[in-house]
Amino acid sequence: MKREGINIEKPSIPLSEEWAELSAAFCGPELIKSLGDFFEKNNVRTILEAACGDGHVLHGLSQTGIDCVGIDSDDYLLNRAKQINGDPKISYKKLDVTDLDKDEELRDKQFDAVMMRGNSITALGAWGTDKTTFNPEKCYQMIQATLIKMWSKVKDGGILFLDVTRQADIDQGDHEQKINLGDIHLTGVITIDQAQKRRDVFGYGTVNGEYFNGGSSSYLITPDELKTLLVELLKPQKVWQPTDVQEPLYEVICAKK
């Protein structure tokens, strides 16, 4: 069986590998420089990144002198982080962000910034689900609980750095998106279910010459909904959308403690 000339019976690379390659392709020098400048302007010298993936962004930030801790629960991504994006100023740790309050090593630590990028917050409670098992109430409760846990790791005067799907992309509704970056050639089908608060992404194509076929569900939260939740739940000094961070895919939202 073929789709657009691609043999879909070939073994598919894992979702974690596809995510890592795609993330690195989109998170180029412009994004990393803008992040470094943003954190420098806000006096950030220590960062905890939840769902750090393969550490591509943390590695770039470590080059600016920031001390970094990256946590993730995916073995493939953490091994890749240590092999490809290791640095004396970065510590990688296998830990799910939902267990952040249970980890002895991090229990008494706080950071100038806690970051969760790549629309990762919307996967809480949704990862591994499909249309039949997705539970929006569970997802929302997990997002609330995790925001509180991340907030507890932010120093007074520090920043919680998040991103979510852009409102313009949500307003498109169901749509197709093609990605051709270097050796990445993917077609993505994005489905928006406003009633069920669910966003489904299915993609297929090739990554570094290997076939990929897969997808995931996530909780659908708009930028305005997240800003409102941050204000009501965390009572920050301020919540804002920085315009100087060159994020190509998502809407950045920050809260100051």
C-alpha atoms as a PDB file:
ATOM      1  CA  MET A   1       0.000   0.000   0.000  1.00  0.00           C
ATOM      2  CA  LYS A   2       1.317   3.465  -0.890  1.00  0.00           C
ATOM      3  CA  ARG A   3       0.382   7.001   0.076  1.00  0.00           C
ATOM      4  CA  GLU A   4       1.910   9.847  -1.958  1.00  0.00           C
ATOM      5  CA  GLY A   5       4.618   7.468  -3.139  1.00  0.00           C
ATOM      6  CA  ILE A   6       5.562   6.311   0.377  1.00  0.00           C
ATOM      7  CA  ASN A   7       5.476   2.637   1.250  1.00  0.00           C
ATOM      8  CA  ILE A   8       3.525   2.607   4.515  1.00  0.00           C
ATOM      9  CA  GLU A   9       4.216  -1.090   5.135  1.00  0.00           C
ATOM     10  CA  LYS A  10       7.826  -0.289   6.066  1.00  0.00           C
ATOM     11  CA  PRO A  11       8.644  -0.214   9.798  1.00  0.00           C
ATOM     12  CA  SER A  12       7.815   3.210  11.198  1.00  0.00           C
ATOM     13  CA  ILE A  13      10.188   5.239  13.383  1.00  0.00           C
ATOM     14  CA  PRO A  14       8.850   5.813  16.911  1.00  0.00           C
ATOM     15  CA  LEU A  15       6.828   8.904  17.778  1.00  0.00           C
ATOM     16  CA  SER A  16       9.544  10.066  20.203  1.00  0.00           C
ATOM     17  CA  GLU A  17      12.166  10.117  17.437  1.00  0.00           C
ATOM     18  CA  GLU A  18       9.858  11.949  15.044  1.00  0.00           C
ATOM     19  CA  TRP A  19       9.056  14.517  17.740  1.00  0.00           C
ATOM     20  CA  ALA A  20      12.731  15.072  18.548  1.00  0.00           C
ATOM     21  CA  GLU A  21      13.749  15.554  14.911  1.00  0.00           C
ATOM     22  CA  LEU A  22      10.830  17.857  14.214  1.00  0.00           C
ATOM     23  CA  SER A  23      11.432  19.888  17.366  1.00  0.00           C
ATOM     24  CA  ALA A  24      15.104  20.376  16.520  1.00  0.00           C
ATOM     25  CA  ALA A  25      14.211  21.425  12.974  1.00  0.00           C
ATOM     26  CA  PHE A  26      11.760  24.088  14.132  1.00  0.00           C
ATOM     27  CA  CYS A  27      13.802  25.280  17.127  1.00  0.00           C
ATOM     28  CA  GLY A  28      16.524  26.937  15.119  1.00  0.00           C
ATOM     29  CA  PRO A  29      19.174  29.507  16.065  1.00  0.00           C
ATOM     30  CA  GLU A  30      16.678  32.384  15.885  1.00  0.00           C
ATOM     31  CA  LEU A  31      14.424  30.842  18.538  1.00  0.00           C
ATOM     32  CA  ILE A  32      17.298  29.890  20.824  1.00  0.00           C
ATOM     33  CA  LYS A  33      18.882  33.335  20.571  1.00  0.00           C
ATOM     34  CA  SER A  34      15.562  35.035  21.270  1.00  0.00           C
ATOM     35  CA  LEU A  35      15.027  32.759  24.285  1.00  0.00           C
ATOM     36  CA  GLY A  36      18.502  33.514  25.570  1.00  0.00           C
ATOM     37  CA  ASP A  37      17.958  37.255  25.166  1.00  0.00           C
ATOM     38  CA  PHE A  38      14.532  37.027  26.834  1.00  0.00           C
ATOM     39  CA  PHE A  39      15.872  35.141  29.851  1.00  0.00           C
ATOM     40  CA  GLU A  40      18.881  37.437  30.158  1.00  0.00           C
ATOM     41  CA  LYS A  41      16.589  40.464  30.145  1.00  0.00           C
ATOM     42  CA  ASN A  42      14.562  38.844  32.927  1.00  0.00           C
ATOM     43  CA  ASN A  43      17.635  37.905  35.028  1.00  0.00           C
ATOM     44  CA  VAL A  44      17.174  34.167  34.560  1.00  0.00           C
ATOM     45  CA  ARG A  45      20.324  32.202  35.384  1.00  0.00           C
ATOM     46  CA  THR A  46      18.723  28.874  36.379  1.00  0.00           C
ATOM     47  CA  ILE A  47      16.044  26.968  34.454  1.00  0.00           C
ATOM     48  CA  LEU A  48      14.036  23.826  35.026  1.00  0.00           C
ATOM     49  CA  GLU A  49      12.495  22.519  31.800  1.00  0.00           C
ATOM     50  CA  ALA A  50       9.652  20.048  32.182  1.00  0.00           C
ATOM     51  CA  ALA A  51       9.163  17.684  29.229  1.00  0.00           C
ATOM     52  CA  CYS A  52      12.602  18.717  27.976  1.00  0.00           C
ATOM     53  CA  GLY A  53      12.631  16.111  25.205  1.00  0.00           C
ATOM     54  CA  ASP A  54      16.074  15.579  23.740  1.00  0.00           C
ATOM     55  CA  GLY A  55      17.459  18.737  25.325  1.00  0.00           C
ATOM     56  CA  HIS A  56      17.958  20.642  22.085  1.00  0.00           C
ATOM     57  CA  VAL A  57      16.703  23.949  23.508  1.00  0.00           C
ATOM     58  CA  LEU A  58      18.384  23.506  26.900  1.00  0.00           C
ATOM     59  CA  HIS A  59      21.701  22.863  25.192  1.00  0.00           C
ATOM     60  CA  GLY A  60      21.405  26.151  23.340  1.00  0.00           C
ATOM     61  CA  LEU A  61      20.505  28.007  26.537  1.00  0.00           C
ATOM     62  CA  SER A  62      23.394  26.416  28.449  1.00  0.00           C
ATOM     63  CA  GLN A  63      25.778  28.037  25.975  1.00  0.00           C
ATOM     64  CA  THR A  64      24.645  31.427  27.300  1.00  0.00           C
ATOM     65  CA  GLY A  65      25.756  30.466  30.813  1.00  0.00           C
ATOM     66  CA  ILE A  66      22.383  29.375  32.216  1.00  0.00           C
ATOM     67  CA  ASP A  67      22.398  26.414  34.614  1.00  0.00           C
ATOM     68  CA  CYS A  68      19.751  23.971  33.402  1.00  0.00           C
ATOM     69  CA  VAL A  69      17.840  20.963  34.702  1.00  0.00           C
ATOM     70  CA  GLY A  70      15.785  18.980  32.207  1.00  0.00           C
ATOM     71  CA  ILE A  71      13.208  16.373  33.180  1.00  0.00           C
ATOM     72  CA  ASP A  72      11.316  13.968  30.943  1.00  0.00           C
ATOM     73  CA  SER A  73       9.716  10.543  31.324  1.00  0.00           C
ATOM     74  CA  ASP A  74      10.699   9.209  27.885  1.00  0.00           C
ATOM     75  CA  ASP A  75      13.780   6.958  27.892  1.00  0.00           C
ATOM     76  CA  TYR A  76      14.554   7.465  24.197  1.00  0.00           C
ATOM     77  CA  LEU A  77      14.475  11.257  24.494  1.00  0.00           C
ATOM     78  CA  LEU A  78      16.579  11.319  27.666  1.00  0.00           C
ATOM     79  CA  ASN A  79      19.222   9.001  26.182  1.00  0.00           C
ATOM     80  CA  ARG A  80      19.343  11.192  23.099  1.00  0.00           C
ATOM     81  CA  ALA A  81      19.638  14.297  25.296  1.00  0.00           C
ATOM     82  CA  LYS A  82      22.613  12.896  27.173  1.00  0.00           C
ATOM     83  CA  GLN A  83      24.341  11.673  24.000  1.00  0.00           C
ATOM     84  CA  ILE A  84      23.693  14.620  21.685  1.00  0.00           C
ATOM     85  CA  ASN A  85      22.907  17.576  23.925  1.00  0.00           C
ATOM     86  CA  GLY A  86      24.954  16.942  27.041  1.00  0.00           C
ATOM     87  CA  ASP A  87      26.760  19.832  28.717  1.00  0.00           C
ATOM     88  CA  PRO A  88      28.372  20.408  32.149  1.00  0.00           C
ATOM     89  CA  LYS A  89      25.753  23.091  32.816  1.00  0.00           C
ATOM     90  CA  ILE A  90      22.821  20.698  32.178  1.00  0.00           C
ATOM     91  CA  SER A  91      21.492  17.959  34.427  1.00  0.00           C
ATOM     92  CA  TYR A  92      19.013  15.527  32.862  1.00  0.00           C
ATOM     93  CA  LYS A  93      16.678  13.480  35.023  1.00  0.00           C
ATOM     94  CA  LYS A  94      13.998  10.888  34.309  1.00  0.00           C
ATOM     95  CA  LEU A  95      10.910  12.324  35.962  1.00  0.00           C
ATOM     96  CA  ASP A  96       7.327  12.964  34.952  1.00  0.00           C
ATOM     97  CA  VAL A  97       6.309  16.551  35.634  1.00  0.00           C
ATOM     98  CA  THR A  98       3.228  15.278  37.481  1.00  0.00           C
ATOM     99  CA  ASP A  99       5.616  13.787  40.073  1.00  0.00           C
ATOM    100  CA  LEU A 100       7.635  16.965  40.466  1.00  0.00           C
ATOM    101  CA  ASP A 101       6.563  17.410  44.083  1.00  0.00           C
ATOM    102  CA  LYS A 102       7.612  13.846  44.981  1.00  0.00           C
ATOM    103  CA  ASP A 103      11.238  14.015  43.852  1.00  0.00           C
ATOM    104  CA  GLU A 104      13.661  14.308  46.782  1.00  0.00           C
ATOM    105  CA  GLU A 105      16.455  15.900  44.756  1.00  0.00           C
ATOM    106  CA  LEU A 106      14.230  18.734  43.512  1.00  0.00           C
ATOM    107  CA  ARG A 107      11.938  19.020  46.523  1.00  0.00           C
ATOM    108  CA  ASP A 108      13.698  22.017  48.070  1.00  0.00           C
ATOM    109  CA  LYS A 109      14.991  23.602  44.867  1.00  0.00           C
ATOM    110  CA  GLN A 110      13.590  26.627  43.079  1.00  0.00           C
ATOM    111  CA  PHE A 111      14.601  28.199  39.770  1.00  0.00           C
ATOM    112  CA  ASP A 112      14.601  31.593  38.130  1.00  0.00           C
ATOM    113  CA  ALA A 113      12.401  30.062  35.414  1.00  0.00           C
ATOM    114  CA  VAL A 114      10.390  26.896  34.964  1.00  0.00           C
ATOM    115  CA  MET A 115       9.658  26.164  31.322  1.00  0.00           C
ATOM    116  CA  MET A 116       7.302  23.766  29.537  1.00  0.00           C
ATOM    117  CA  ARG A 117       7.424  24.172  25.763  1.00  0.00           C
ATOM    118  CA  GLY A 118       6.204  22.439  22.645  1.00  0.00           C
ATOM    119  CA  ASN A 119       2.529  22.566  23.617  1.00  0.00           C
ATOM    120  CA  SER A 120       3.452  19.858  26.136  1.00  0.00           C
ATOM    121  CA  ILE A 121       1.101  21.067  28.834  1.00  0.00           C
ATOM    122  CA  THR A 122      -1.875  20.059  26.708  1.00  0.00           C
ATOM    123  CA  ALA A 123      -0.685  16.428  26.668  1.00  0.00           C
ATOM    124  CA  LEU A 124      -1.272  16.094  30.416  1.00  0.00           C
ATOM    125  CA  GLY A 125      -3.936  13.452  30.854  1.00  0.00           C
ATOM    126  CA  ALA A 126      -4.298  13.120  27.087  1.00  0.00           C
ATOM    127  CA  TRP A 127      -1.088  11.337  26.043  1.00  0.00           C
ATOM    128  CA  GLY A 128      -1.853   7.860  24.714  1.00  0.00           C
ATOM    129  CA  THR A 129      -5.594   8.452  24.495  1.00  0.00           C
ATOM    130  CA  ASP A 130      -7.854   8.420  21.460  1.00  0.00           C
ATOM    131  CA  LYS A 131     -11.374   9.604  20.719  1.00  0.00           C
ATOM    132  CA  THR A 132     -12.874   6.814  22.826  1.00  0.00           C
ATOM    133  CA  THR A 133     -10.642   7.190  25.901  1.00  0.00           C
ATOM    134  CA  PHE A 134     -10.038  10.960  25.953  1.00  0.00           C
ATOM    135  CA  ASN A 135     -11.395  12.587  29.129  1.00  0.00           C
ATOM    136  CA  PRO A 136     -11.390  16.417  29.057  1.00  0.00           C
ATOM    137  CA  GLU A 137     -12.247  16.757  32.750  1.00  0.00           C
ATOM    138  CA  LYS A 138      -9.270  14.593  33.733  1.00  0.00           C
ATOM    139  CA  CYS A 139      -6.982  16.589  31.440  1.00  0.00           C
ATOM    140  CA  TYR A 140      -8.092  19.926  32.891  1.00  0.00           C
ATOM    141  CA  GLN A 141      -7.609  18.690  36.455  1.00  0.00           C
ATOM    142  CA  MET A 142      -4.106  17.405  35.631  1.00  0.00           C
ATOM    143  CA  ILE A 143      -3.190  20.712  33.985  1.00  0.00           C
ATOM    144  CA  GLN A 144      -4.309  22.602  37.087  1.00  0.00           C
ATOM    145  CA  ALA A 145      -2.412  20.302  39.449  1.00  0.00           C
ATOM    146  CA  THR A 146       0.746  20.428  37.350  1.00  0.00           C
ATOM    147  CA  LEU A 147       0.689  24.210  37.053  1.00  0.00           C
ATOM    148  CA  ILE A 148       0.621  24.411  40.847  1.00  0.00           C
ATOM    149  CA  LYS A 149       3.578  22.009  41.110  1.00  0.00           C
ATOM    150  CA  MET A 150       5.641  23.919  38.551  1.00  0.00           C
ATOM    151  CA  TRP A 151       4.755  27.233  40.186  1.00  0.00           C
ATOM    152  CA  SER A 152       6.126  25.958  43.501  1.00  0.00           C
ATOM    153  CA  LYS A 153       9.530  25.542  41.799  1.00  0.00           C
ATOM    154  CA  VAL A 154       9.640  29.168  40.625  1.00  0.00           C
ATOM    155  CA  LYS A 155      11.547  31.633  42.810  1.00  0.00           C
ATOM    156  CA  ASP A 156       9.834  34.820  43.927  1.00  0.00           C
ATOM    157  CA  GLY A 157      10.212  37.216  41.026  1.00  0.00           C
ATOM    158  CA  GLY A 158      10.824  34.299  38.657  1.00  0.00           C
ATOM    159  CA  ILE A 159       8.979  33.191  35.538  1.00  0.00           C
ATOM    160  CA  LEU A 160       6.747  30.309  34.486  1.00  0.00           C
ATOM    161  CA  PHE A 161       7.235  29.943  30.710  1.00  0.00           C
ATOM    162  CA  LEU A 162       4.561  28.054  28.736  1.00  0.00           C
ATOM    163  CA  ASP A 163       3.214  27.811  25.213  1.00  0.00           C
ATOM    164  CA  VAL A 164       0.006  26.545  23.591  1.00  0.00           C
ATOM    165  CA  THR A 165      -1.560  26.301  20.152  1.00  0.00           C
ATOM    166  CA  ARG A 166      -2.058  29.687  18.515  1.00  0.00           C
ATOM    167  CA  GLN A 167      -5.609  31.005  18.354  1.00  0.00           C
ATOM    168  CA  ALA A 168      -5.287  31.456  14.578  1.00  0.00           C
ATOM    169  CA  ASP A 169      -4.497  27.750  14.197  1.00  0.00           C
ATOM    170  CA  ILE A 170      -7.481  26.792  16.364  1.00  0.00           C
ATOM    171  CA  ASP A 171      -9.741  29.057  14.310  1.00  0.00           C
ATOM    172  CA  GLN A 172      -8.770  27.137  11.151  1.00  0.00           C
ATOM    173  CA  GLY A 173     -10.625  24.104  12.459  1.00  0.00           C
ATOM    174  CA  ASP A 174      -9.768  20.828  10.767  1.00  0.00           C
ATOM    175  CA  HIS A 175      -6.902  21.310   8.325  1.00  0.00           C
ATOM    176  CA  GLU A 176      -3.894  19.723   6.679  1.00  0.00           C
ATOM    177  CA  GLN A 177      -0.328  20.928   7.121  1.00  0.00           C
ATOM    178  CA  LYS A 178       2.750  19.937   5.121  1.00  0.00           C
ATOM    179  CA  ILE A 179       6.258  20.165   6.551  1.00  0.00           C
ATOM    180  CA  ASN A 180       9.360  20.056   4.360  1.00  0.00           C
ATOM    181  CA  LEU A 181      12.448  20.946   6.357  1.00  0.00           C
ATOM    182  CA  GLY A 182      15.753  19.406   5.341  1.00  0.00           C
ATOM    183  CA  ASP A 183      15.292  15.638   5.525  1.00  0.00           C
ATOM    184  CA  ILE A 184      11.836  15.920   7.129  1.00  0.00           C
ATOM    185  CA  HIS A 185       8.873  15.524   4.790  1.00  0.00           C
ATOM    186  CA  LEU A 186       5.576  15.123   6.625  1.00  0.00           C
ATOM    187  CA  THR A 187       1.894  15.673   6.020  1.00  0.00           C
ATOM    188  CA  GLY A 188      -0.127  16.359   9.152  1.00  0.00           C
ATOM    189  CA  VAL A 189      -3.880  16.158   9.537  1.00  0.00           C
ATOM    190  CA  ILE A 190      -5.107  18.297  12.451  1.00  0.00           C
ATOM    191  CA  THR A 191      -8.614  17.825  13.839  1.00  0.00           C
ATOM    192  CA  ILE A 192     -10.185  20.302  16.259  1.00  0.00           C
ATOM    193  CA  ASP A 193     -13.129  19.240  18.441  1.00  0.00           C
ATOM    194  CA  GLN A 194     -14.286  22.354  20.290  1.00  0.00           C
ATOM    195  CA  ALA A 195     -17.111  20.544  22.092  1.00  0.00           C
ATOM    196  CA  GLN A 196     -14.855  17.833  23.528  1.00  0.00           C
ATOM    197  CA  LYS A 197     -11.869  20.203  24.022  1.00  0.00           C
ATOM    198  CA  ARG A 198      -9.659  17.863  21.997  1.00  0.00           C
ATOM    199  CA  ARG A 199      -7.010  18.413  19.330  1.00  0.00           C
ATOM    200  CA  ASP A 200      -5.894  15.381  17.315  1.00  0.00           C
ATOM    201  CA  VAL A 201      -2.784  15.306  15.140  1.00  0.00           C
ATOM    202  CA  PHE A 202      -1.999  12.493  12.723  1.00  0.00           C
ATOM    203  CA  GLY A 203       1.067  12.634  10.527  1.00  0.00           C
ATOM    204  CA  TYR A 204       2.826  10.518   7.928  1.00  0.00           C
ATOM    205  CA  GLY A 205       5.875  10.868   5.731  1.00  0.00           C
ATOM    206  CA  THR A 206       9.630  10.441   6.069  1.00  0.00           C
ATOM    207  CA  VAL A 207      12.141  11.625   8.657  1.00  0.00           C
ATOM    208  CA  ASN A 208      15.793  11.242   7.655  1.00  0.00           C
ATOM    209  CA  GLY A 209      14.703   8.769   4.997  1.00  0.00           C
ATOM    210  CA  GLU A 210      12.721   6.602   7.426  1.00  0.00           C
ATOM    211  CA  TYR A 211       8.953   6.296   7.272  1.00  0.00           C
ATOM    212  CA  PHE A 212       6.797   7.769  10.045  1.00  0.00           C
ATOM    213  CA  ASN A 213       3.104   7.166  10.665  1.00  0.00           C
ATOM    214  CA  GLY A 214       1.425   8.179  13.925  1.00  0.00           C
ATOM    215  CA  GLY A 215      -0.269  10.793  16.000  1.00  0.00           C
ATOM    216  CA  SER A 216      -1.611  11.894  19.349  1.00  0.00           C
ATOM    217  CA  SER A 217      -4.475  13.630  21.118  1.00  0.00           C
ATOM    218  CA  SER A 218      -4.167  16.666  23.350  1.00  0.00           C
ATOM    219  CA  TYR A 219      -6.397  18.911  25.420  1.00  0.00           C
ATOM    220  CA  LEU A 220      -7.575  21.996  23.546  1.00  0.00           C
ATOM    221  CA  ILE A 221      -6.944  25.165  25.533  1.00  0.00           C
ATOM    222  CA  THR A 222      -6.793  28.584  23.917  1.00  0.00           C
ATOM    223  CA  PRO A 223      -4.170  31.209  24.812  1.00  0.00           C
ATOM    224  CA  ASP A 224      -6.829  33.343  26.507  1.00  0.00           C
ATOM    225  CA  GLU A 225      -8.128  30.363  28.488  1.00  0.00           C
ATOM    226  CA  LEU A 226      -4.630  29.559  29.720  1.00  0.00           C
ATOM    227  CA  LYS A 227      -3.988  33.179  30.708  1.00  0.00           C
ATOM    228  CA  THR A 228      -7.243  33.256  32.671  1.00  0.00           C
ATOM    229  CA  LEU A 229      -6.402  29.971  34.367  1.00  0.00           C
ATOM    230  CA  LEU A 230      -2.942  31.234  35.371  1.00  0.00           C
ATOM    231  CA  VAL A 231      -4.408  34.397  36.897  1.00  0.00           C
ATOM    232  CA  GLU A 232      -7.145  32.595  38.818  1.00  0.00           C
ATOM    233  CA  LEU A 233      -5.089  29.600  39.929  1.00  0.00           C
ATOM    234  CA  LEU A 234      -1.637  31.042  40.667  1.00  0.00           C
ATOM    235  CA  LYS A 235      -2.306  34.733  41.451  1.00  0.00           C
ATOM    236  CA  PRO A 236       0.905  35.881  39.690  1.00  0.00           C
ATOM    237  CA  GLN A 237       2.243  39.434  39.637  1.00  0.00           C
ATOM    238  CA  LYS A 238       1.460  39.515  35.937  1.00  0.00           C
ATOM    239  CA  VAL A 239       0.690  37.314  32.926  1.00  0.00           C
ATOM    240  CA  TRP A 240       1.834  38.338  29.475  1.00  0.00           C
ATOM    241  CA  GLN A 241       2.613  37.130  25.960  1.00  0.00           C
ATOM    242  CA  PRO A 242       6.197  38.166  25.143  1.00  0.00           C
ATOM    243  CA  THR A 243       6.573  39.338  21.563  1.00  0.00           C
ATOM    244  CA  ASP A 244      10.371  39.055  21.534  1.00  0.00           C
ATOM    245  CA  VAL A 245      10.488  35.241  21.646  1.00  0.00           C
ATOM    246  CA  GLN A 246      10.650  33.936  18.063  1.00  0.00           C
ATOM    247  CA  GLU A 247       8.530  30.820  18.616  1.00  0.00           C
ATOM    248  CA  PRO A 248       7.438  29.589  15.143  1.00  0.00           C
ATOM    249  CA  LEU A 249       4.623  27.222  16.118  1.00  0.00           C
ATOM    250  CA  TYR A 250       2.954  28.216  19.381  1.00  0.00           C
ATOM    251  CA  GLU A 251       1.792  31.159  21.464  1.00  0.00           C
ATOM    252  CA  VAL A 252       4.134  31.892  24.381  1.00  0.00           C
ATOM    253  CA  ILE A 253       2.548  32.817  27.709  1.00  0.00           C
ATOM    254  CA  CYS A 254       4.518  33.774  30.813  1.00  0.00           C
ATOM    255  CA  ALA A 255       3.586  34.382  34.436  1.00  0.00           C
ATOM    256  CA  LYS A 256       5.759  36.343  36.905  1.00  0.00           C
ATOM    257  CA  LYS A 257       5.756  35.159  40.508  1.00  0.00           C
END
